[in-house]
N, C-alpha and C. Protein backbone atom coordinates (compact mmCIF):
# COMPACT_ATOMS: atom_id res chain seq x y z
N MET A 1 -185.00 353.84 88.01
CA MET A 1 -184.88 354.44 86.67
C MET A 1 -184.46 355.90 86.76
N THR A 2 -183.63 356.31 85.84
CA THR A 2 -183.22 357.71 85.80
C THR A 2 -184.02 358.43 84.73
N SER A 3 -184.23 359.72 84.92
CA SER A 3 -185.06 360.50 84.00
C SER A 3 -184.32 360.70 82.67
N PRO A 4 -185.07 360.93 81.59
CA PRO A 4 -184.44 361.21 80.29
C PRO A 4 -183.49 362.42 80.36
N VAL A 5 -183.85 363.43 81.13
CA VAL A 5 -182.99 364.62 81.27
C VAL A 5 -181.66 364.24 81.93
N ALA A 6 -181.75 363.43 83.01
CA ALA A 6 -180.53 362.99 83.70
C ALA A 6 -179.67 362.13 82.78
N GLN A 7 -180.30 361.26 82.02
CA GLN A 7 -179.55 360.39 81.10
C GLN A 7 -178.84 361.22 80.02
N GLU A 8 -179.52 362.25 79.53
CA GLU A 8 -178.93 363.11 78.51
C GLU A 8 -177.71 363.85 79.09
N LEU A 9 -177.84 364.35 80.31
CA LEU A 9 -176.73 365.05 80.96
C LEU A 9 -175.56 364.11 81.23
N MET A 10 -175.85 362.87 81.59
CA MET A 10 -174.78 361.88 81.81
C MET A 10 -173.98 361.67 80.53
N GLY A 11 -174.69 361.56 79.41
CA GLY A 11 -174.03 361.38 78.11
C GLY A 11 -173.18 362.58 77.75
N GLN A 12 -173.71 363.78 78.00
CA GLN A 12 -172.96 365.00 77.69
C GLN A 12 -171.72 365.11 78.59
N TYR A 13 -171.88 364.76 79.86
CA TYR A 13 -170.73 364.79 80.77
C TYR A 13 -169.66 363.81 80.32
N LEU A 14 -170.08 362.61 79.97
CA LEU A 14 -169.13 361.58 79.51
C LEU A 14 -168.35 362.08 78.30
N ASP A 15 -169.04 362.73 77.35
CA ASP A 15 -168.36 363.25 76.16
C ASP A 15 -167.31 364.30 76.52
N LEU A 16 -167.64 365.17 77.48
CA LEU A 16 -166.69 366.19 77.91
C LEU A 16 -165.44 365.56 78.54
N ILE A 17 -165.66 364.51 79.34
CA ILE A 17 -164.53 363.84 80.00
C ILE A 17 -163.68 363.10 78.97
N LEU A 18 -164.31 362.43 78.02
CA LEU A 18 -163.55 361.71 76.99
C LEU A 18 -162.75 362.66 76.12
N GLU A 19 -163.30 363.84 75.87
CA GLU A 19 -162.58 364.85 75.09
C GLU A 19 -161.38 365.36 75.88
N ALA A 20 -161.59 365.68 77.16
CA ALA A 20 -160.49 366.15 78.01
C ALA A 20 -159.43 365.07 78.19
N ASN A 21 -159.86 363.82 78.14
CA ASN A 21 -158.95 362.69 78.34
C ASN A 21 -157.90 362.57 77.23
N LYS A 22 -158.15 363.22 76.10
CA LYS A 22 -157.19 363.19 75.00
C LYS A 22 -155.89 363.91 75.35
N THR A 23 -155.99 364.86 76.29
CA THR A 23 -154.80 365.63 76.67
C THR A 23 -154.39 365.42 78.14
N THR A 24 -155.33 364.97 78.98
CA THR A 24 -155.03 364.72 80.39
C THR A 24 -155.56 363.35 80.77
N ASN A 25 -154.77 362.54 81.45
CA ASN A 25 -155.18 361.18 81.77
C ASN A 25 -156.23 361.16 82.88
N LEU A 26 -157.49 361.01 82.47
CA LEU A 26 -158.59 360.92 83.42
C LEU A 26 -159.12 359.51 83.53
N THR A 27 -159.04 358.76 82.44
CA THR A 27 -159.56 357.39 82.40
C THR A 27 -158.77 356.61 81.36
N ARG A 28 -158.60 355.31 81.61
CA ARG A 28 -157.90 354.47 80.63
C ARG A 28 -158.82 354.11 79.48
N ILE A 29 -160.13 354.37 79.64
CA ILE A 29 -161.13 354.00 78.63
C ILE A 29 -161.27 355.13 77.62
N THR A 30 -161.10 354.82 76.34
CA THR A 30 -161.19 355.85 75.30
C THR A 30 -162.40 355.66 74.38
N SER A 31 -162.93 354.46 74.33
CA SER A 31 -164.10 354.18 73.49
C SER A 31 -165.38 354.62 74.19
N ARG A 32 -166.24 355.37 73.49
CA ARG A 32 -167.48 355.84 74.11
C ARG A 32 -168.38 354.68 74.49
N ASP A 33 -168.49 353.68 73.62
CA ASP A 33 -169.35 352.53 73.92
C ASP A 33 -168.88 351.81 75.18
N GLU A 34 -167.58 351.64 75.29
CA GLU A 34 -167.03 350.98 76.48
C GLU A 34 -167.24 351.85 77.72
N ALA A 35 -167.06 353.15 77.54
CA ALA A 35 -167.23 354.08 78.67
C ALA A 35 -168.68 354.13 79.14
N LEU A 36 -169.62 353.99 78.24
CA LEU A 36 -171.04 353.96 78.63
C LEU A 36 -171.32 352.81 79.59
N VAL A 37 -170.66 351.68 79.35
CA VAL A 37 -170.83 350.52 80.23
C VAL A 37 -170.01 350.67 81.50
N LEU A 38 -168.70 350.92 81.35
CA LEU A 38 -167.78 350.87 82.48
C LEU A 38 -167.75 352.14 83.33
N HIS A 39 -168.35 353.22 82.84
CA HIS A 39 -168.45 354.43 83.66
C HIS A 39 -169.90 354.76 84.01
N ILE A 40 -170.77 354.90 83.01
CA ILE A 40 -172.15 355.29 83.32
C ILE A 40 -172.94 354.13 83.93
N GLU A 41 -173.02 353.02 83.22
CA GLU A 41 -173.78 351.88 83.75
C GLU A 41 -173.20 351.42 85.08
N ASP A 42 -171.89 351.31 85.15
CA ASP A 42 -171.23 350.86 86.38
C ASP A 42 -171.53 351.82 87.54
N SER A 43 -171.49 353.13 87.26
CA SER A 43 -171.79 354.11 88.30
C SER A 43 -173.18 353.89 88.88
N LEU A 44 -174.13 353.57 88.02
CA LEU A 44 -175.52 353.46 88.44
C LEU A 44 -175.85 352.13 89.12
N VAL A 45 -174.88 351.21 89.14
CA VAL A 45 -175.09 349.93 89.83
C VAL A 45 -175.46 350.16 91.29
N GLY A 46 -174.85 351.17 91.91
CA GLY A 46 -175.11 351.43 93.33
C GLY A 46 -176.25 352.41 93.60
N LEU A 47 -177.02 352.76 92.56
CA LEU A 47 -178.08 353.75 92.72
C LEU A 47 -179.10 353.35 93.80
N LYS A 48 -179.48 352.10 93.81
CA LYS A 48 -180.46 351.61 94.81
C LYS A 48 -179.94 351.88 96.21
N GLU A 49 -178.69 351.53 96.47
CA GLU A 49 -178.13 351.68 97.82
C GLU A 49 -177.94 353.16 98.19
N VAL A 50 -177.52 353.97 97.24
CA VAL A 50 -177.37 355.41 97.52
C VAL A 50 -178.74 356.04 97.79
N SER A 51 -179.73 355.62 97.03
CA SER A 51 -181.09 356.17 97.22
C SER A 51 -181.68 355.80 98.57
N GLU A 52 -181.26 354.64 99.11
CA GLU A 52 -181.79 354.18 100.39
C GLU A 52 -181.14 354.88 101.59
N ALA A 53 -180.05 355.60 101.35
CA ALA A 53 -179.37 356.32 102.44
C ALA A 53 -180.22 357.51 102.86
N PRO A 54 -180.02 358.02 104.08
CA PRO A 54 -180.78 359.19 104.53
C PRO A 54 -180.59 360.38 103.58
N GLU A 55 -181.57 361.26 103.54
CA GLU A 55 -181.45 362.46 102.72
C GLU A 55 -180.28 363.30 103.22
N GLY A 56 -179.66 364.02 102.29
CA GLY A 56 -178.56 364.89 102.69
C GLY A 56 -177.39 364.82 101.74
N LEU A 57 -176.28 365.38 102.17
CA LEU A 57 -175.10 365.56 101.32
C LEU A 57 -174.48 364.21 100.93
N TYR A 58 -174.08 364.14 99.65
CA TYR A 58 -173.44 362.94 99.10
C TYR A 58 -172.00 363.26 98.73
N GLY A 59 -171.08 362.37 99.08
CA GLY A 59 -169.67 362.54 98.71
C GLY A 59 -169.14 361.32 97.99
N ASP A 60 -168.39 361.54 96.91
CA ASP A 60 -167.77 360.45 96.16
C ASP A 60 -166.27 360.50 96.42
N LEU A 61 -165.75 359.51 97.13
CA LEU A 61 -164.34 359.49 97.53
C LEU A 61 -163.47 358.89 96.44
N GLY A 62 -162.35 359.54 96.13
CA GLY A 62 -161.48 359.07 95.06
C GLY A 62 -162.17 359.13 93.72
N SER A 63 -162.81 360.26 93.46
CA SER A 63 -163.75 360.38 92.34
C SER A 63 -163.10 360.30 90.96
N GLY A 64 -161.81 360.63 90.86
CA GLY A 64 -161.13 360.54 89.56
C GLY A 64 -161.79 361.41 88.51
N GLY A 65 -162.30 360.78 87.45
CA GLY A 65 -162.97 361.53 86.39
C GLY A 65 -164.43 361.86 86.69
N GLY A 66 -164.84 361.66 87.94
CA GLY A 66 -166.21 362.00 88.33
C GLY A 66 -167.17 360.83 88.31
N PHE A 67 -166.63 359.62 88.40
CA PHE A 67 -167.47 358.41 88.41
C PHE A 67 -167.19 357.62 89.68
N PRO A 68 -168.23 357.16 90.37
CA PRO A 68 -169.65 357.22 90.05
C PRO A 68 -170.36 358.51 90.45
N GLY A 69 -169.61 359.49 90.95
CA GLY A 69 -170.23 360.66 91.57
C GLY A 69 -171.20 361.44 90.71
N VAL A 70 -170.78 361.80 89.50
CA VAL A 70 -171.64 362.65 88.65
C VAL A 70 -172.91 361.91 88.22
N PRO A 71 -172.82 360.69 87.68
CA PRO A 71 -174.06 359.99 87.34
C PRO A 71 -175.00 359.82 88.53
N LEU A 72 -174.46 359.51 89.70
CA LEU A 72 -175.31 359.33 90.88
C LEU A 72 -175.91 360.66 91.34
N ALA A 73 -175.16 361.72 91.23
CA ALA A 73 -175.70 363.05 91.55
C ALA A 73 -176.88 363.38 90.64
N LEU A 74 -176.70 363.11 89.35
CA LEU A 74 -177.76 363.40 88.38
C LEU A 74 -178.98 362.51 88.61
N ALA A 75 -178.74 361.25 88.96
CA ALA A 75 -179.84 360.31 89.15
C ALA A 75 -180.63 360.59 90.43
N THR A 76 -179.94 361.10 91.47
CA THR A 76 -180.60 361.29 92.77
C THR A 76 -181.00 362.74 93.04
N GLY A 77 -180.35 363.69 92.36
CA GLY A 77 -180.60 365.10 92.64
C GLY A 77 -179.94 365.59 93.92
N ARG A 78 -179.10 364.76 94.54
CA ARG A 78 -178.46 365.16 95.80
C ARG A 78 -177.39 366.23 95.57
N GLU A 79 -177.24 367.11 96.55
CA GLU A 79 -176.05 367.97 96.58
C GLU A 79 -174.85 367.05 96.75
N THR A 80 -173.82 367.28 95.94
CA THR A 80 -172.73 366.31 95.82
C THR A 80 -171.36 366.98 95.90
N VAL A 81 -170.43 366.32 96.58
CA VAL A 81 -169.03 366.74 96.62
C VAL A 81 -168.18 365.60 96.06
N LEU A 82 -167.43 365.89 95.00
CA LEU A 82 -166.52 364.90 94.40
C LEU A 82 -165.14 365.13 95.01
N VAL A 83 -164.58 364.09 95.62
CA VAL A 83 -163.34 364.23 96.39
C VAL A 83 -162.21 363.45 95.72
N ASP A 84 -161.15 364.14 95.36
CA ASP A 84 -159.96 363.48 94.81
C ASP A 84 -158.78 364.41 95.01
N SER A 85 -157.67 363.86 95.48
CA SER A 85 -156.52 364.71 95.82
C SER A 85 -155.73 365.17 94.59
N VAL A 86 -156.06 364.65 93.40
CA VAL A 86 -155.37 365.10 92.18
C VAL A 86 -156.05 366.37 91.66
N LYS A 87 -155.43 367.51 91.96
CA LYS A 87 -156.05 368.80 91.68
C LYS A 87 -156.36 369.00 90.19
N LYS A 88 -155.47 368.51 89.33
CA LYS A 88 -155.66 368.68 87.90
C LYS A 88 -156.95 367.99 87.43
N LYS A 89 -157.17 366.79 87.93
CA LYS A 89 -158.39 366.06 87.58
C LYS A 89 -159.63 366.80 88.06
N MET A 90 -159.58 367.25 89.30
CA MET A 90 -160.75 367.92 89.87
C MET A 90 -161.07 369.23 89.16
N ALA A 91 -160.03 369.92 88.69
CA ALA A 91 -160.24 371.17 87.94
C ALA A 91 -160.98 370.88 86.63
N ILE A 92 -160.59 369.81 85.95
CA ILE A 92 -161.24 369.44 84.69
C ILE A 92 -162.68 369.00 84.94
N VAL A 93 -162.88 368.20 85.99
CA VAL A 93 -164.22 367.73 86.33
C VAL A 93 -165.13 368.91 86.68
N GLN A 94 -164.60 369.85 87.48
CA GLN A 94 -165.41 371.02 87.85
C GLN A 94 -165.77 371.85 86.62
N GLN A 95 -164.84 371.98 85.71
CA GLN A 95 -165.09 372.73 84.47
C GLN A 95 -166.21 372.07 83.66
N ALA A 96 -166.17 370.74 83.57
CA ALA A 96 -167.21 370.00 82.83
C ALA A 96 -168.57 370.15 83.50
N VAL A 97 -168.58 370.05 84.82
CA VAL A 97 -169.82 370.20 85.59
C VAL A 97 -170.40 371.60 85.39
N ASN A 98 -169.53 372.61 85.46
CA ASN A 98 -169.98 373.99 85.26
C ASN A 98 -170.52 374.21 83.86
N GLN A 99 -169.87 373.59 82.89
CA GLN A 99 -170.28 373.73 81.49
C GLN A 99 -171.71 373.22 81.28
N LEU A 100 -172.10 372.23 82.07
CA LEU A 100 -173.45 371.66 81.96
C LEU A 100 -174.45 372.37 82.88
N GLY A 101 -173.99 373.43 83.55
CA GLY A 101 -174.89 374.19 84.42
C GLY A 101 -175.20 373.49 85.74
N LEU A 102 -174.29 372.63 86.18
CA LEU A 102 -174.54 371.84 87.38
C LEU A 102 -173.68 372.26 88.57
N GLY A 103 -173.00 373.41 88.42
CA GLY A 103 -172.02 373.83 89.42
C GLY A 103 -172.60 374.12 90.80
N ARG A 104 -173.89 374.38 90.88
CA ARG A 104 -174.49 374.64 92.20
C ARG A 104 -174.79 373.34 92.93
N GLN A 105 -175.06 372.28 92.17
CA GLN A 105 -175.38 370.99 92.79
C GLN A 105 -174.12 370.16 93.06
N ILE A 106 -173.17 370.21 92.12
CA ILE A 106 -171.99 369.34 92.20
C ILE A 106 -170.73 370.18 92.32
N THR A 107 -169.99 369.97 93.40
CA THR A 107 -168.72 370.69 93.59
C THR A 107 -167.60 369.68 93.77
N THR A 108 -166.37 370.15 93.62
CA THR A 108 -165.21 369.27 93.76
C THR A 108 -164.36 369.70 94.95
N CYS A 109 -163.61 368.74 95.47
CA CYS A 109 -162.70 369.00 96.59
C CYS A 109 -161.42 368.23 96.34
N SER A 110 -160.30 368.94 96.30
CA SER A 110 -159.02 368.28 96.04
C SER A 110 -158.19 368.10 97.32
N ASP A 111 -158.86 368.17 98.48
CA ASP A 111 -158.18 367.87 99.75
C ASP A 111 -158.02 366.36 99.90
N ARG A 112 -157.08 365.95 100.73
CA ARG A 112 -157.03 364.55 101.12
C ARG A 112 -158.26 364.23 101.97
N ILE A 113 -158.70 362.99 101.94
CA ILE A 113 -159.92 362.61 102.66
C ILE A 113 -159.78 362.90 104.16
N GLU A 114 -158.58 362.66 104.70
CA GLU A 114 -158.35 362.92 106.12
C GLU A 114 -158.51 364.40 106.46
N ASP A 115 -158.07 365.28 105.56
CA ASP A 115 -158.23 366.73 105.78
C ASP A 115 -159.69 367.13 105.69
N LEU A 116 -160.40 366.54 104.75
CA LEU A 116 -161.83 366.82 104.62
C LEU A 116 -162.57 366.44 105.89
N ALA A 117 -162.16 365.33 106.52
CA ALA A 117 -162.80 364.89 107.76
C ALA A 117 -162.58 365.88 108.90
N LEU A 118 -161.46 366.58 108.86
CA LEU A 118 -161.21 367.63 109.87
C LEU A 118 -162.04 368.88 109.59
N ASP A 119 -162.21 369.19 108.30
CA ASP A 119 -162.95 370.39 107.91
C ASP A 119 -164.46 370.21 108.01
N ARG A 120 -164.93 369.01 107.66
CA ARG A 120 -166.37 368.79 107.59
C ARG A 120 -166.78 367.49 108.28
N PRO A 121 -166.47 367.35 109.56
CA PRO A 121 -166.83 366.10 110.25
C PRO A 121 -168.35 365.92 110.33
N GLY A 122 -168.78 364.69 110.19
CA GLY A 122 -170.20 364.38 110.32
C GLY A 122 -171.10 365.13 109.37
N SER A 123 -170.62 365.41 108.17
CA SER A 123 -171.38 366.23 107.22
C SER A 123 -172.12 365.44 106.15
N PHE A 124 -171.76 364.19 105.94
CA PHE A 124 -172.25 363.46 104.78
C PHE A 124 -173.27 362.39 105.18
N SER A 125 -174.35 362.30 104.39
CA SER A 125 -175.38 361.28 104.61
C SER A 125 -175.05 360.00 103.87
N VAL A 126 -174.29 360.12 102.78
CA VAL A 126 -173.90 358.94 102.01
C VAL A 126 -172.58 359.21 101.30
N LEU A 127 -171.73 358.19 101.26
CA LEU A 127 -170.45 358.25 100.57
C LEU A 127 -170.34 357.05 99.64
N THR A 128 -169.69 357.25 98.49
CA THR A 128 -169.36 356.12 97.63
C THR A 128 -167.85 356.05 97.46
N ALA A 129 -167.38 354.84 97.17
CA ALA A 129 -165.95 354.63 96.86
C ALA A 129 -165.87 353.50 95.85
N ARG A 130 -165.31 353.80 94.68
CA ARG A 130 -165.20 352.79 93.63
C ARG A 130 -163.72 352.54 93.35
N ALA A 131 -163.31 351.28 93.54
CA ALA A 131 -161.92 350.89 93.24
C ALA A 131 -160.90 351.83 93.88
N LEU A 132 -161.14 352.18 95.15
CA LEU A 132 -160.28 353.15 95.83
C LEU A 132 -159.29 352.49 96.78
N SER A 133 -159.77 351.59 97.64
CA SER A 133 -158.90 351.01 98.65
C SER A 133 -159.57 349.78 99.23
N ARG A 134 -158.87 349.11 100.14
CA ARG A 134 -159.49 347.96 100.82
C ARG A 134 -160.59 348.44 101.75
N LEU A 135 -161.54 347.57 102.02
CA LEU A 135 -162.70 347.94 102.85
C LEU A 135 -162.28 348.48 104.21
N VAL A 136 -161.27 347.86 104.82
CA VAL A 136 -160.86 348.30 106.16
C VAL A 136 -160.44 349.76 106.15
N ALA A 137 -159.74 350.19 105.09
CA ALA A 137 -159.32 351.59 104.96
C ALA A 137 -160.52 352.49 104.67
N LEU A 138 -161.42 352.02 103.81
CA LEU A 138 -162.60 352.83 103.46
C LEU A 138 -163.48 353.08 104.69
N LEU A 139 -163.63 352.07 105.53
CA LEU A 139 -164.42 352.24 106.76
C LEU A 139 -163.79 353.32 107.65
N GLU A 140 -162.48 353.25 107.79
CA GLU A 140 -161.79 354.23 108.65
C GLU A 140 -161.90 355.65 108.08
N LEU A 141 -161.71 355.78 106.77
CA LEU A 141 -161.76 357.11 106.15
C LEU A 141 -163.18 357.70 106.18
N SER A 142 -164.17 356.83 106.09
CA SER A 142 -165.55 357.30 106.00
C SER A 142 -166.17 357.63 107.34
N SER A 143 -165.80 356.88 108.37
CA SER A 143 -166.46 357.02 109.67
C SER A 143 -166.54 358.47 110.17
N PRO A 144 -165.45 359.25 110.16
CA PRO A 144 -165.56 360.62 110.68
C PRO A 144 -166.35 361.57 109.78
N LEU A 145 -166.54 361.19 108.53
CA LEU A 145 -167.26 362.05 107.58
C LEU A 145 -168.77 361.89 107.65
N LEU A 146 -169.23 360.71 108.09
CA LEU A 146 -170.65 360.38 108.02
C LEU A 146 -171.45 360.86 109.23
N VAL A 147 -172.69 361.25 108.98
CA VAL A 147 -173.64 361.49 110.06
C VAL A 147 -174.05 360.14 110.64
N LYS A 148 -174.59 360.10 111.83
CA LYS A 148 -175.12 358.85 112.37
C LYS A 148 -176.28 358.40 111.50
N GLY A 149 -176.24 357.15 111.08
CA GLY A 149 -177.25 356.65 110.15
C GLY A 149 -176.84 356.78 108.70
N GLY A 150 -175.72 357.49 108.46
CA GLY A 150 -175.21 357.65 107.10
C GLY A 150 -174.65 356.35 106.56
N ARG A 151 -174.53 356.27 105.25
CA ARG A 151 -174.13 355.02 104.60
C ARG A 151 -172.86 355.20 103.77
N LEU A 152 -172.03 354.15 103.78
CA LEU A 152 -170.88 354.04 102.89
C LEU A 152 -171.19 352.96 101.88
N VAL A 153 -171.18 353.31 100.59
CA VAL A 153 -171.49 352.37 99.51
C VAL A 153 -170.21 352.10 98.73
N CYS A 154 -169.70 350.86 98.85
CA CYS A 154 -168.42 350.49 98.21
C CYS A 154 -168.66 349.66 96.97
N TYR A 155 -167.96 350.02 95.89
CA TYR A 155 -168.00 349.27 94.64
C TYR A 155 -166.73 348.41 94.57
N LYS A 156 -166.90 347.11 94.45
CA LYS A 156 -165.75 346.22 94.40
C LYS A 156 -165.80 345.32 93.17
N ALA A 157 -164.65 345.19 92.51
CA ALA A 157 -164.57 344.28 91.35
C ALA A 157 -164.37 342.86 91.83
N GLN A 158 -163.49 342.68 92.78
CA GLN A 158 -163.25 341.36 93.36
C GLN A 158 -163.13 341.53 94.86
N LEU A 159 -164.05 340.93 95.58
CA LEU A 159 -164.04 341.06 97.04
C LEU A 159 -163.75 339.69 97.65
N SER A 160 -162.57 339.56 98.24
CA SER A 160 -162.18 338.29 98.84
C SER A 160 -162.78 338.16 100.24
N ASP A 161 -162.91 336.93 100.70
CA ASP A 161 -163.37 336.70 102.07
C ASP A 161 -162.42 337.36 103.06
N GLU A 162 -161.14 337.33 102.74
CA GLU A 162 -160.13 337.93 103.62
C GLU A 162 -160.38 339.43 103.79
N GLU A 163 -160.64 340.12 102.68
CA GLU A 163 -160.87 341.57 102.74
C GLU A 163 -162.13 341.88 103.55
N MET A 164 -163.18 341.09 103.35
CA MET A 164 -164.42 341.32 104.09
C MET A 164 -164.22 341.06 105.58
N GLN A 165 -163.55 339.99 105.93
CA GLN A 165 -163.32 339.66 107.34
C GLN A 165 -162.46 340.72 108.03
N GLU A 166 -161.49 341.25 107.29
CA GLU A 166 -160.61 342.31 107.79
C GLU A 166 -161.45 343.54 108.19
N ALA A 167 -162.44 343.85 107.35
CA ALA A 167 -163.32 345.00 107.63
C ALA A 167 -164.27 344.71 108.78
N LEU A 168 -164.86 343.52 108.78
CA LEU A 168 -165.82 343.18 109.83
C LEU A 168 -165.15 343.14 111.21
N ALA A 169 -163.85 342.85 111.23
CA ALA A 169 -163.12 342.77 112.50
C ALA A 169 -162.98 344.13 113.18
N VAL A 170 -163.09 345.22 112.39
CA VAL A 170 -162.90 346.56 112.98
C VAL A 170 -164.14 347.44 112.86
N GLU A 171 -165.24 346.92 112.33
CA GLU A 171 -166.41 347.78 112.14
C GLU A 171 -166.90 348.37 113.46
N ASP A 172 -166.90 347.55 114.52
CA ASP A 172 -167.38 348.03 115.82
C ASP A 172 -166.47 349.13 116.36
N LEU A 173 -165.17 348.96 116.18
CA LEU A 173 -164.18 349.95 116.60
C LEU A 173 -164.43 351.30 115.93
N LEU A 174 -164.94 351.26 114.70
CA LEU A 174 -165.13 352.48 113.90
C LEU A 174 -166.57 353.01 113.95
N GLY A 175 -167.41 352.37 114.74
CA GLY A 175 -168.80 352.81 114.82
C GLY A 175 -169.58 352.53 113.55
N MET A 176 -169.17 351.49 112.82
CA MET A 176 -169.80 351.15 111.54
C MET A 176 -170.39 349.74 111.64
N ARG A 177 -171.37 349.45 110.73
CA ARG A 177 -171.99 348.12 110.72
C ARG A 177 -172.35 347.73 109.30
N LEU A 178 -172.05 346.49 108.93
CA LEU A 178 -172.42 345.98 107.61
C LEU A 178 -173.94 345.92 107.49
N VAL A 179 -174.45 346.48 106.37
CA VAL A 179 -175.90 346.51 106.14
C VAL A 179 -176.29 345.54 105.03
N SER A 180 -175.53 345.54 103.94
CA SER A 180 -175.91 344.69 102.82
C SER A 180 -174.71 344.42 101.91
N GLN A 181 -174.86 343.36 101.12
CA GLN A 181 -173.84 342.98 100.14
C GLN A 181 -174.57 342.37 98.96
N ARG A 182 -174.26 342.84 97.76
CA ARG A 182 -174.98 342.39 96.57
C ARG A 182 -174.02 342.28 95.40
N GLU A 183 -174.16 341.22 94.63
CA GLU A 183 -173.33 341.05 93.44
C GLU A 183 -174.17 341.22 92.19
N THR A 184 -173.56 341.76 91.15
CA THR A 184 -174.27 341.94 89.88
C THR A 184 -173.26 341.84 88.74
N MET A 185 -173.79 341.74 87.53
CA MET A 185 -172.96 341.67 86.32
C MET A 185 -173.38 342.81 85.40
N LEU A 186 -172.43 343.51 84.82
CA LEU A 186 -172.75 344.57 83.87
C LEU A 186 -173.21 343.96 82.55
N SER A 187 -173.76 344.80 81.68
CA SER A 187 -174.36 344.31 80.44
C SER A 187 -173.34 343.75 79.45
N ASP A 188 -172.04 343.99 79.71
CA ASP A 188 -171.03 343.38 78.83
C ASP A 188 -170.87 341.89 79.08
N GLY A 189 -171.52 341.39 80.13
CA GLY A 189 -171.49 339.97 80.42
C GLY A 189 -170.21 339.45 81.04
N GLU A 190 -169.28 340.37 81.35
CA GLU A 190 -168.01 339.91 81.94
C GLU A 190 -167.55 340.71 83.14
N THR A 191 -168.09 341.91 83.33
CA THR A 191 -167.66 342.76 84.44
C THR A 191 -168.56 342.54 85.65
N ARG A 192 -167.98 341.95 86.69
CA ARG A 192 -168.74 341.71 87.92
C ARG A 192 -168.53 342.85 88.91
N ARG A 193 -169.59 343.18 89.64
CA ARG A 193 -169.49 344.18 90.69
C ARG A 193 -170.13 343.67 91.96
N THR A 194 -169.48 343.95 93.07
CA THR A 194 -170.07 343.69 94.38
C THR A 194 -170.29 345.05 95.05
N ILE A 195 -171.50 345.27 95.50
CA ILE A 195 -171.82 346.51 96.21
C ILE A 195 -171.97 346.17 97.69
N VAL A 196 -171.13 346.77 98.51
CA VAL A 196 -171.13 346.51 99.95
C VAL A 196 -171.48 347.81 100.68
N VAL A 197 -172.43 347.73 101.60
CA VAL A 197 -172.90 348.93 102.30
C VAL A 197 -172.69 348.78 103.80
N PHE A 198 -172.09 349.83 104.37
CA PHE A 198 -171.94 349.93 105.82
C PHE A 198 -172.67 351.18 106.31
N GLU A 199 -173.18 351.10 107.53
CA GLU A 199 -173.89 352.24 108.13
C GLU A 199 -173.14 352.74 109.35
N LYS A 200 -173.13 354.06 109.52
CA LYS A 200 -172.54 354.66 110.72
C LYS A 200 -173.55 354.53 111.86
N VAL A 201 -173.22 353.73 112.87
CA VAL A 201 -174.18 353.46 113.94
C VAL A 201 -173.81 354.13 115.26
N GLY A 202 -172.58 354.63 115.35
CA GLY A 202 -172.17 355.27 116.60
C GLY A 202 -170.79 355.89 116.45
N LYS A 203 -170.28 356.43 117.55
CA LYS A 203 -168.97 357.07 117.50
C LYS A 203 -167.86 356.02 117.42
N ALA A 204 -166.79 356.38 116.73
CA ALA A 204 -165.62 355.51 116.69
C ALA A 204 -164.98 355.47 118.08
N LYS A 205 -164.32 354.37 118.39
CA LYS A 205 -163.70 354.19 119.70
C LYS A 205 -162.23 354.59 119.68
N LEU A 206 -161.84 355.35 118.67
CA LEU A 206 -160.49 355.90 118.61
C LEU A 206 -160.57 357.26 117.92
N LYS A 207 -159.53 358.04 118.05
CA LYS A 207 -159.54 359.39 117.48
C LYS A 207 -159.30 359.32 115.98
N LEU A 208 -160.24 359.87 115.23
CA LEU A 208 -160.15 359.91 113.77
C LEU A 208 -160.30 361.34 113.28
N PRO A 209 -159.70 361.68 112.13
CA PRO A 209 -158.86 360.82 111.30
C PRO A 209 -157.44 360.65 111.88
N ARG A 210 -156.82 359.54 111.54
CA ARG A 210 -155.40 359.40 111.83
C ARG A 210 -154.61 360.21 110.80
N ARG A 211 -153.30 360.17 110.88
CA ARG A 211 -152.49 360.96 109.96
C ARG A 211 -152.75 360.50 108.51
N ILE A 212 -152.45 361.35 107.57
CA ILE A 212 -152.71 361.07 106.15
C ILE A 212 -151.97 359.80 105.72
N GLY A 213 -152.70 358.91 105.09
CA GLY A 213 -152.11 357.67 104.56
C GLY A 213 -152.11 356.51 105.53
N ALA A 214 -152.39 356.77 106.80
CA ALA A 214 -152.29 355.69 107.80
C ALA A 214 -153.33 354.59 107.57
N ALA A 215 -154.50 354.96 107.10
CA ALA A 215 -155.58 353.97 106.89
C ALA A 215 -155.14 352.90 105.89
N GLN A 216 -154.37 353.33 104.88
CA GLN A 216 -153.91 352.36 103.87
C GLN A 216 -152.61 351.67 104.28
N LYS A 217 -151.69 352.45 104.88
CA LYS A 217 -150.36 351.90 105.16
C LYS A 217 -150.32 351.02 106.39
N THR A 218 -151.07 351.40 107.43
CA THR A 218 -151.12 350.61 108.65
C THR A 218 -152.58 350.38 109.02
N PRO A 219 -153.25 349.46 108.31
CA PRO A 219 -154.68 349.24 108.54
C PRO A 219 -154.97 348.87 109.99
N LEU A 220 -156.12 349.31 110.46
CA LEU A 220 -156.53 349.00 111.84
C LEU A 220 -156.73 347.50 112.00
N LYS A 221 -156.47 347.05 113.24
CA LYS A 221 -156.75 345.67 113.59
C LYS A 221 -157.61 345.70 114.85
N PRO A 222 -158.39 344.65 115.09
CA PRO A 222 -159.24 344.66 116.29
C PRO A 222 -158.41 344.76 117.56
N ARG A 223 -158.94 345.47 118.53
CA ARG A 223 -158.23 345.59 119.82
C ARG A 223 -158.38 344.30 120.60
N SER A 224 -157.27 343.86 121.18
CA SER A 224 -157.31 342.60 121.92
C SER A 224 -157.85 342.83 123.32
């Protein structure tokens, strides 16, 4: 459960983002009722898994309009970094966060994830990624950022067996291990979410990060 204060701040943040969205494309959702479900409720689907990660810094990869990062930051109280390479989006998100007096807890980063891994290796206790990339790419991007024992919490709308097997084939190579997988349905009765969690268990067996974009364009395959 989230506190009434956190819930109030989530609503205020959502209103600021929806207002900014009228002039800058932050989200395709314009209805507040729909946004409450598909941004706030959806963000909090992974709260259990984020809360179970070790204490420490939280990062939201591909944060976009600040979801799930801001709701999870408010729900957990963790120091949080919202990461998205679209500088315009991050500037608006930071402005909204500052407006709510949360600028000391929640900061934004408009670097590419690979650059962040060079600047802050092994700095994060937990990372989230919602609708960002295939699992195999998320594992590669997250591995150099996480502390040992840190967790990657992935939000998936549709997770195929093929995508999962692709990730499991390289988890050992990346020093990662599948911890849990859970499916749920949002209150609209039609939006399904799968939450998949991997843990950083050791060092990767290759040099990371690779060049920018390589994780998506040339996904890793198991070594023969």
